[in-house]
PDB file of N, CA and C in Angstrom:
ATOM      1  N   UNK A   1       0.819  -1.187   0.000  1.00  0.00           N
ATOM      2  CA  UNK A   1       0.000   0.000   0.000  1.00  0.00           C
ATOM      3  C   UNK A   1       0.872   1.264   0.000  1.00  0.00           C
ATOM      4  N   UNK A   2       1.890   1.305   0.853  1.00  0.00           N
ATOM      5  CA  UNK A   2       2.768   2.476   0.885  1.00  0.00           C
ATOM      6  C   UNK A   2       3.566   2.616  -0.403  1.00  0.00           C
ATOM      7  N   UNK A   3       3.960   1.478  -0.977  1.00  0.00           N
ATOM      8  CA  UNK A   3       4.695   1.517  -2.239  1.00  0.00           C
ATOM      9  C   UNK A   3       3.858   2.124  -3.351  1.00  0.00           C
ATOM     10  N   UNK A   4       2.570   1.793  -3.366  1.00  0.00           N
ATOM     11  CA  UNK A   4       1.659   2.345  -4.374  1.00  0.00           C
ATOM     12  C   UNK A   4       1.504   3.853  -4.170  1.00  0.00           C
ATOM     13  N   UNK A   5       1.373   4.279  -2.925  1.00  0.00           N
ATOM     14  CA  UNK A   5       1.260   5.703  -2.608  1.00  0.00           C
ATOM     15  C   UNK A   5       2.534   6.442  -3.004  1.00  0.00           C
ATOM     16  N   UNK A   6       3.692   5.852  -2.670  1.00  0.00           N
ATOM     17  CA  UNK A   6       4.981   6.469  -3.007  1.00  0.00           C
ATOM     18  C   UNK A   6       5.125   6.611  -4.521  1.00  0.00           C
ATOM     19  N   UNK A   7       4.699   5.579  -5.264  1.00  0.00           N
ATOM     20  CA  UNK A   7       4.768   5.632  -6.720  1.00  0.00           C
ATOM     21  C   UNK A   7       3.902   6.741  -7.291  1.00  0.00           C
ATOM     22  N   UNK A   8       2.701   6.902  -6.742  1.00  0.00           N
ATOM     23  CA  UNK A   8       1.805   7.965  -7.194  1.00  0.00           C
ATOM     24  C   UNK A   8       2.371   9.342  -6.905  1.00  0.00           C
ATOM     25  N   UNK A   9       2.987   9.489  -5.738  1.00  0.00           N
ATOM     26  CA  UNK A   9       3.579  10.775  -5.370  1.00  0.00           C
ATOM     27  C   UNK A   9       4.752  11.105  -6.287  1.00  0.00           C
ATOM     28  N   UNK A  10       5.559  10.085  -6.615  1.00  0.00           N
ATOM     29  CA  UNK A  10       6.707  10.300  -7.496  1.00  0.00           C
ATOM     30  C   UNK A  10       6.239  10.698  -8.896  1.00  0.00           C
ATOM     31  N   UNK A  11       5.185  10.040  -9.381  1.00  0.00           N
ATOM     32  CA  UNK A  11       4.627  10.381 -10.694  1.00  0.00           C
ATOM     33  C   UNK A  11       4.090  11.808 -10.714  1.00  0.00           C
ATOM     34  N   UNK A  12       3.584  12.268  -9.565  1.00  0.00           N
ATOM     35  CA  UNK A  12       3.035  13.623  -9.471  1.00  0.00           C
ATOM     36  C   UNK A  12       4.126  14.680  -9.337  1.00  0.00           C
ATOM     37  N   UNK A  13       5.390  14.236  -9.179  1.00  0.00           N
ATOM     38  CA  UNK A  13       6.497  15.182  -9.130  1.00  0.00           C
ATOM     39  C   UNK A  13       7.072  15.431  -7.753  1.00  0.00           C
ATOM     40  N   UNK A  14       6.634  14.666  -6.750  1.00  0.00           N
ATOM     41  CA  UNK A  14       7.149  14.859  -5.391  1.00  0.00           C
ATOM     42  C   UNK A  14       8.609  14.427  -5.310  1.00  0.00           C
ATOM     43  N   UNK A  15       9.443  15.270  -4.713  1.00  0.00           N
ATOM     44  CA  UNK A  15      10.851  14.955  -4.487  1.00  0.00           C
ATOM     45  C   UNK A  15      11.122  15.156  -2.998  1.00  0.00           C
ATOM     46  N   UNK A  16      11.444  14.083  -2.257  1.00  0.00           N
ATOM     47  CA  UNK A  16      11.669  14.229  -0.818  1.00  0.00           C
ATOM     48  C   UNK A  16      12.930  15.030  -0.510  1.00  0.00           C
ATOM     49  N   UNK A  17      12.885  15.820   0.552  1.00  0.00           N
ATOM     50  CA  UNK A  17      14.043  16.592   1.001  1.00  0.00           C
ATOM     51  C   UNK A  17      14.877  15.693   1.901  1.00  0.00           C
ATOM     52  N   UNK A  18      16.016  15.233   1.402  1.00  0.00           N
ATOM     53  CA  UNK A  18      16.866  14.309   2.164  1.00  0.00           C
ATOM     54  C   UNK A  18      18.073  15.009   2.771  1.00  0.00           C
ATOM     55  N   UNK A  19      18.138  16.321   2.686  1.00  0.00           N
ATOM     56  CA  UNK A  19      19.290  17.059   3.211  1.00  0.00           C
ATOM     57  C   UNK A  19      19.394  16.994   4.727  1.00  0.00           C
ATOM     58  N   UNK A  20      18.290  16.796   5.414  1.00  0.00           N
ATOM     59  CA  UNK A  20      18.287  16.810   6.870  1.00  0.00           C
ATOM     60  C   UNK A  20      18.282  15.412   7.485  1.00  0.00           C
ATOM     61  N   UNK A  21      18.571  14.401   6.696  1.00  0.00           N
ATOM     62  CA  UNK A  21      18.592  13.032   7.202  1.00  0.00           C
ATOM     63  C   UNK A  21      19.681  12.875   8.253  1.00  0.00           C
ATOM     64  N   UNK A  22      19.342  12.232   9.365  1.00  0.00           N
ATOM     65  CA  UNK A  22      20.295  12.059  10.458  1.00  0.00           C
ATOM     66  C   UNK A  22      21.118  10.781  10.334  1.00  0.00           C
ATOM     67  N   UNK A  23      20.837   9.990   9.325  1.00  0.00           N
ATOM     68  CA  UNK A  23      21.527   8.723   9.143  1.00  0.00           C
ATOM     69  C   UNK A  23      22.503   8.805   7.980  1.00  0.00           C
ATOM     70  N   UNK A  24      23.565   8.029   8.034  1.00  0.00           N
ATOM     71  CA  UNK A  24      24.566   7.990   6.972  1.00  0.00           C
ATOM     72  C   UNK A  24      24.125   6.972   5.924  1.00  0.00           C
ATOM     73  N   UNK A  25      23.277   7.420   4.994  1.00  0.00           N
ATOM     74  CA  UNK A  25      22.744   6.560   3.951  1.00  0.00           C
ATOM     75  C   UNK A  25      23.004   7.189   2.594  1.00  0.00           C
ATOM     76  N   UNK A  26      22.965   6.364   1.561  1.00  0.00           N
ATOM     77  CA  UNK A  26      23.065   6.873   0.198  1.00  0.00           C
ATOM     78  C   UNK A  26      21.780   7.633  -0.126  1.00  0.00           C
ATOM     79  N   UNK A  27      21.822   8.529  -1.110  1.00  0.00           N
ATOM     80  CA  UNK A  27      20.665   9.354  -1.456  1.00  0.00           C
ATOM     81  C   UNK A  27      19.427   8.524  -1.791  1.00  0.00           C
ATOM     82  N   UNK A  28      19.589   7.430  -2.549  1.00  0.00           N
ATOM     83  CA  UNK A  28      18.445   6.590  -2.901  1.00  0.00           C
ATOM     84  C   UNK A  28      17.839   5.949  -1.661  1.00  0.00           C
ATOM     85  N   UNK A  29      18.686   5.523  -0.722  1.00  0.00           N
ATOM     86  CA  UNK A  29      18.193   4.929   0.519  1.00  0.00           C
ATOM     87  C   UNK A  29      17.448   5.971   1.349  1.00  0.00           C
ATOM     88  N   UNK A  30      17.969   7.198   1.382  1.00  0.00           N
ATOM     89  CA  UNK A  30      17.305   8.271   2.122  1.00  0.00           C
ATOM     90  C   UNK A  30      15.915   8.513   1.550  1.00  0.00           C
ATOM     91  N   UNK A  31      15.812   8.566   0.237  1.00  0.00           N
ATOM     92  CA  UNK A  31      14.533   8.829  -0.409  1.00  0.00           C
ATOM     93  C   UNK A  31      13.522   7.741  -0.083  1.00  0.00           C
ATOM     94  N   UNK A  32      13.953   6.488  -0.040  1.00  0.00           N
ATOM     95  CA  UNK A  32      13.017   5.410   0.257  1.00  0.00           C
ATOM     96  C   UNK A  32      12.632   5.385   1.727  1.00  0.00           C
ATOM     97  N   UNK A  33      13.481   5.892   2.598  1.00  0.00           N
ATOM     98  CA  UNK A  33      13.179   5.928   4.027  1.00  0.00           C
ATOM     99  C   UNK A  33      12.297   7.105   4.401  1.00  0.00           C
ATOM    100  N   UNK A  34      12.366   8.177   3.608  1.00  0.00           N
ATOM    101  CA  UNK A  34      11.544   9.362   3.889  1.00  0.00           C
ATOM    102  C   UNK A  34      10.171   9.031   3.470  1.00  0.00           C
TER     103      UNK A  34
END
């Protein structure tokens, strides 16, 4: 269910702000965790 929602948001142009992530992750990992 969340994957479907995330896909719809991405198609609509949503880009998560990963600059404030407190974890040492790669950008793609940050985006999937946000």
